[in-house]
Amino acid sequence: MKFLLFLISLSISTILFNGCSGEYVASEPRYTEIERPVRPGNTHVWVDGYWVWNRQSNVYTHRNGYWAIPRHGRTYNPGQWRRSRRGMYWSNGYWH
C-alpha cells in the first residue's frame, strides 16, 4: 500500500512540475521598438520593459517599461535573458 501511494504521489508531482517547466525557449523573442513617454520629473528613472510567460499560448509576451521614482539609495538592475541547459529564460529585474 505504501508503495502504491508513493507511485501515485510521484506521478502527480511529475505532472505538476512538468507544467511549470515550459518557460524555456530556444532563442529570445524579438524586441519591438517602443517610444518612451516623456519623463514626468527629474527624480524619475526609466525601468525597462520585461517578459512574461503566457501559460495559455506558451510564449513570452513583452510588457512595456515605465517611469519610477526610486527609493533613496536604490538602483534598478534590469532583467535579462539567461541561458541554461534547457534553453533561454527571462530573469526579472529588481531594485537593489
N, C-alpha and C. Protein backbone atom coordinates (compact mmCIF):
# COMPACT_ATOMS: atom_id res chain seq x y z
N MET A 1 0.82 -1.19 0.00
CA MET A 1 0.00 0.00 0.00
C MET A 1 0.87 1.26 0.00
N LYS A 2 1.94 1.26 0.81
CA LYS A 2 2.83 2.41 0.84
C LYS A 2 3.47 2.64 -0.53
N PHE A 3 3.85 1.56 -1.18
CA PHE A 3 4.46 1.67 -2.49
C PHE A 3 3.49 2.26 -3.50
N LEU A 4 2.23 1.87 -3.44
CA LEU A 4 1.21 2.41 -4.34
C LEU A 4 1.01 3.91 -4.10
N LEU A 5 0.96 4.31 -2.84
CA LEU A 5 0.84 5.74 -2.53
C LEU A 5 2.06 6.52 -3.01
N PHE A 6 3.23 5.92 -2.88
CA PHE A 6 4.45 6.55 -3.37
C PHE A 6 4.39 6.76 -4.88
N LEU A 7 3.96 5.74 -5.63
CA LEU A 7 3.86 5.85 -7.08
C LEU A 7 2.84 6.91 -7.51
N ILE A 8 1.73 6.96 -6.80
CA ILE A 8 0.70 7.96 -7.12
C ILE A 8 1.22 9.37 -6.86
N SER A 9 1.85 9.58 -5.71
CA SER A 9 2.37 10.91 -5.40
C SER A 9 3.50 11.30 -6.35
N LEU A 10 4.32 10.33 -6.75
CA LEU A 10 5.39 10.60 -7.71
C LEU A 10 4.82 11.01 -9.06
N SER A 11 3.80 10.32 -9.53
CA SER A 11 3.22 10.66 -10.83
C SER A 11 2.50 12.02 -10.79
N ILE A 12 1.85 12.34 -9.69
CA ILE A 12 1.18 13.64 -9.55
C ILE A 12 2.21 14.76 -9.53
N SER A 13 3.28 14.59 -8.77
CA SER A 13 4.31 15.65 -8.72
C SER A 13 5.00 15.81 -10.07
N THR A 14 5.17 14.73 -10.82
CA THR A 14 5.77 14.82 -12.15
C THR A 14 4.87 15.62 -13.08
N ILE A 15 3.59 15.38 -13.02
CA ILE A 15 2.64 16.12 -13.85
C ILE A 15 2.64 17.60 -13.47
N LEU A 16 2.63 17.90 -12.19
CA LEU A 16 2.61 19.29 -11.75
C LEU A 16 3.88 20.03 -12.14
N PHE A 17 5.03 19.43 -11.92
CA PHE A 17 6.28 20.12 -12.21
C PHE A 17 6.56 20.21 -13.70
N ASN A 18 6.04 19.30 -14.50
CA ASN A 18 6.20 19.43 -15.94
C ASN A 18 5.40 20.61 -16.47
N GLY A 19 4.31 20.94 -15.84
CA GLY A 19 3.52 22.10 -16.24
C GLY A 19 4.27 23.39 -15.96
N CYS A 20 5.19 23.41 -15.03
CA CYS A 20 5.95 24.61 -14.68
C CYS A 20 7.21 24.76 -15.52
N SER A 21 7.57 23.74 -16.28
CA SER A 21 8.85 23.78 -16.97
C SER A 21 8.76 24.38 -18.37
N GLY A 22 7.67 24.99 -18.73
CA GLY A 22 7.50 25.50 -20.08
C GLY A 22 8.08 26.86 -20.32
N GLU A 23 8.77 27.46 -19.38
CA GLU A 23 9.24 28.82 -19.53
C GLU A 23 10.59 28.91 -20.26
N TYR A 24 11.01 27.88 -20.92
CA TYR A 24 12.26 27.87 -21.64
C TYR A 24 11.98 27.93 -23.14
N VAL A 25 12.77 28.72 -23.85
CA VAL A 25 12.62 28.83 -25.30
C VAL A 25 13.99 28.63 -25.94
N ALA A 26 13.99 28.30 -27.24
CA ALA A 26 15.24 28.06 -27.94
C ALA A 26 16.05 29.34 -28.13
N SER A 27 15.37 30.45 -28.36
CA SER A 27 16.05 31.74 -28.51
C SER A 27 15.15 32.83 -27.96
N GLU A 28 15.76 33.94 -27.58
CA GLU A 28 14.95 35.02 -27.00
C GLU A 28 14.08 35.66 -28.07
N PRO A 29 12.87 36.10 -27.71
CA PRO A 29 11.96 36.71 -28.68
C PRO A 29 12.53 38.02 -29.23
N ARG A 30 11.98 38.43 -30.35
CA ARG A 30 12.40 39.70 -30.96
C ARG A 30 11.87 40.86 -30.14
N TYR A 31 12.70 41.89 -30.05
CA TYR A 31 12.28 43.10 -29.36
C TYR A 31 11.56 44.00 -30.35
N THR A 32 10.59 44.70 -29.86
CA THR A 32 9.92 45.70 -30.68
C THR A 32 10.24 47.07 -30.11
N GLU A 33 10.51 48.00 -31.00
CA GLU A 33 10.82 49.36 -30.56
C GLU A 33 9.55 50.04 -30.05
N ILE A 34 9.66 50.64 -28.89
CA ILE A 34 8.56 51.42 -28.36
C ILE A 34 9.06 52.84 -28.12
N GLU A 35 8.16 53.76 -28.18
CA GLU A 35 8.54 55.14 -27.92
C GLU A 35 8.39 55.39 -26.43
N ARG A 36 9.48 55.80 -25.82
CA ARG A 36 9.48 56.07 -24.39
C ARG A 36 8.69 57.34 -24.12
N PRO A 37 7.75 57.30 -23.18
CA PRO A 37 6.99 58.52 -22.87
C PRO A 37 7.89 59.59 -22.26
N VAL A 38 7.39 60.81 -22.27
CA VAL A 38 8.14 61.93 -21.72
C VAL A 38 8.38 61.70 -20.23
N ARG A 39 9.57 62.03 -19.78
CA ARG A 39 9.94 61.86 -18.37
C ARG A 39 9.09 62.80 -17.51
N PRO A 40 8.36 62.25 -16.53
CA PRO A 40 7.47 63.08 -15.72
C PRO A 40 8.18 64.04 -14.77
N GLY A 41 9.42 63.75 -14.39
CA GLY A 41 10.15 64.62 -13.48
C GLY A 41 11.61 64.22 -13.40
N ASN A 42 12.42 65.10 -12.83
CA ASN A 42 13.87 64.85 -12.75
C ASN A 42 14.24 63.67 -11.85
N THR A 43 13.39 63.32 -10.92
CA THR A 43 13.70 62.23 -9.99
C THR A 43 13.32 60.85 -10.55
N HIS A 44 12.63 60.82 -11.67
CA HIS A 44 12.18 59.55 -12.25
C HIS A 44 13.30 58.87 -13.01
N VAL A 45 13.32 57.54 -12.95
CA VAL A 45 14.25 56.73 -13.74
C VAL A 45 13.43 55.76 -14.59
N TRP A 46 13.98 55.42 -15.74
CA TRP A 46 13.27 54.50 -16.63
C TRP A 46 13.55 53.06 -16.23
N VAL A 47 12.48 52.29 -16.09
CA VAL A 47 12.57 50.86 -15.81
C VAL A 47 12.22 50.15 -17.11
N ASP A 48 13.20 49.43 -17.66
CA ASP A 48 12.97 48.75 -18.95
C ASP A 48 11.81 47.78 -18.87
N GLY A 49 11.26 47.49 -20.04
CA GLY A 49 10.19 46.50 -20.12
C GLY A 49 10.68 45.12 -19.73
N TYR A 50 9.77 44.20 -19.61
CA TYR A 50 10.13 42.85 -19.18
C TYR A 50 9.27 41.84 -19.93
N TRP A 51 9.61 40.59 -19.81
CA TRP A 51 8.92 39.50 -20.50
C TRP A 51 8.14 38.66 -19.49
N VAL A 52 6.96 38.23 -19.89
CA VAL A 52 6.09 37.42 -19.04
C VAL A 52 5.71 36.15 -19.80
N TRP A 53 5.81 35.02 -19.14
CA TRP A 53 5.44 33.73 -19.76
C TRP A 53 3.93 33.60 -19.77
N ASN A 54 3.36 33.37 -20.95
CA ASN A 54 1.92 33.17 -21.10
C ASN A 54 1.65 31.67 -21.12
N ARG A 55 1.04 31.16 -20.09
CA ARG A 55 0.80 29.71 -19.98
C ARG A 55 -0.20 29.19 -21.01
N GLN A 56 -1.09 30.04 -21.48
CA GLN A 56 -2.09 29.59 -22.45
C GLN A 56 -1.49 29.40 -23.84
N SER A 57 -0.66 30.36 -24.27
CA SER A 57 -0.08 30.27 -25.61
C SER A 57 1.34 29.71 -25.61
N ASN A 58 1.92 29.53 -24.41
CA ASN A 58 3.29 29.01 -24.27
C ASN A 58 4.33 29.85 -25.00
N VAL A 59 4.20 31.17 -24.89
CA VAL A 59 5.18 32.10 -25.45
C VAL A 59 5.39 33.23 -24.45
N TYR A 60 6.51 33.91 -24.60
CA TYR A 60 6.76 35.10 -23.80
C TYR A 60 6.09 36.30 -24.47
N THR A 61 5.47 37.15 -23.66
CA THR A 61 4.91 38.40 -24.16
C THR A 61 5.63 39.55 -23.48
N HIS A 62 5.82 40.63 -24.22
CA HIS A 62 6.58 41.76 -23.70
C HIS A 62 5.67 42.78 -23.04
N ARG A 63 6.09 43.28 -21.91
CA ARG A 63 5.41 44.37 -21.20
C ARG A 63 6.28 45.61 -21.31
N ASN A 64 5.65 46.73 -21.59
CA ASN A 64 6.41 47.98 -21.76
C ASN A 64 7.01 48.45 -20.45
N GLY A 65 8.08 49.23 -20.58
CA GLY A 65 8.72 49.82 -19.41
C GLY A 65 7.90 50.97 -18.85
N TYR A 66 8.41 51.59 -17.79
CA TYR A 66 7.68 52.67 -17.14
C TYR A 66 8.66 53.56 -16.36
N TRP A 67 8.21 54.74 -16.04
CA TRP A 67 8.98 55.67 -15.21
C TRP A 67 8.68 55.38 -13.75
N ALA A 68 9.69 55.42 -12.91
CA ALA A 68 9.50 55.16 -11.48
C ALA A 68 10.39 56.10 -10.67
N ILE A 69 9.99 56.37 -9.45
CA ILE A 69 10.80 57.14 -8.53
C ILE A 69 11.45 56.14 -7.57
N PRO A 70 12.77 56.00 -7.65
CA PRO A 70 13.42 55.02 -6.76
C PRO A 70 13.48 55.51 -5.33
N ARG A 71 13.47 54.57 -4.41
CA ARG A 71 13.70 54.92 -3.01
C ARG A 71 15.14 55.36 -2.84
N HIS A 72 15.39 56.16 -1.86
CA HIS A 72 16.72 56.72 -1.63
C HIS A 72 17.79 55.62 -1.58
N GLY A 73 18.83 55.78 -2.38
CA GLY A 73 19.95 54.85 -2.36
C GLY A 73 19.74 53.57 -3.15
N ARG A 74 18.66 53.46 -3.88
CA ARG A 74 18.39 52.24 -4.63
C ARG A 74 18.62 52.45 -6.12
N THR A 75 19.07 51.43 -6.79
CA THR A 75 19.22 51.45 -8.24
C THR A 75 18.50 50.23 -8.82
N TYR A 76 18.14 50.34 -10.08
CA TYR A 76 17.42 49.25 -10.73
C TYR A 76 18.38 48.41 -11.56
N ASN A 77 18.38 47.12 -11.32
CA ASN A 77 19.15 46.17 -12.13
C ASN A 77 18.18 45.57 -13.14
N PRO A 78 18.36 45.85 -14.43
CA PRO A 78 17.39 45.39 -15.42
C PRO A 78 17.38 43.88 -15.58
N GLY A 79 16.24 43.37 -16.03
CA GLY A 79 16.12 41.94 -16.31
C GLY A 79 16.95 41.56 -17.52
N GLN A 80 17.16 40.27 -17.69
CA GLN A 80 17.97 39.82 -18.82
C GLN A 80 17.63 38.38 -19.17
N TRP A 81 17.96 38.04 -20.40
CA TRP A 81 17.81 36.67 -20.84
C TRP A 81 19.00 35.87 -20.37
N ARG A 82 18.74 34.68 -19.87
CA ARG A 82 19.80 33.79 -19.40
C ARG A 82 19.70 32.46 -20.13
N ARG A 83 20.83 31.82 -20.25
CA ARG A 83 20.89 30.53 -20.94
C ARG A 83 21.10 29.42 -19.92
N SER A 84 20.41 28.32 -20.13
CA SER A 84 20.61 27.14 -19.30
C SER A 84 20.64 25.92 -20.21
N ARG A 85 20.81 24.76 -19.63
CA ARG A 85 20.81 23.54 -20.44
C ARG A 85 19.46 23.31 -21.11
N ARG A 86 18.39 23.85 -20.52
CA ARG A 86 17.05 23.65 -21.07
C ARG A 86 16.68 24.67 -22.12
N GLY A 87 17.44 25.77 -22.22
CA GLY A 87 17.14 26.81 -23.19
C GLY A 87 17.27 28.19 -22.56
N MET A 88 16.69 29.18 -23.21
CA MET A 88 16.73 30.56 -22.74
C MET A 88 15.52 30.81 -21.83
N TYR A 89 15.73 31.64 -20.79
CA TYR A 89 14.62 32.03 -19.93
C TYR A 89 14.85 33.46 -19.45
N TRP A 90 13.77 34.14 -19.10
CA TRP A 90 13.83 35.53 -18.66
C TRP A 90 14.03 35.60 -17.16
N SER A 91 15.01 36.40 -16.74
CA SER A 91 15.27 36.65 -15.32
C SER A 91 14.84 38.09 -15.04
N ASN A 92 13.87 38.29 -14.17
CA ASN A 92 13.30 39.61 -13.91
C ASN A 92 14.31 40.57 -13.29
N GLY A 93 14.11 41.85 -13.58
CA GLY A 93 14.91 42.90 -12.97
C GLY A 93 14.47 43.12 -11.52
N TYR A 94 15.28 43.88 -10.79
CA TYR A 94 14.95 44.12 -9.38
C TYR A 94 15.63 45.40 -8.89
N TRP A 95 15.12 45.93 -7.82
CA TRP A 95 15.70 47.11 -7.18
C TRP A 95 16.74 46.64 -6.17
N HIS A 96 17.89 47.31 -6.18
CA HIS A 96 18.99 46.90 -5.29
C HIS A 96 19.45 48.09 -4.47
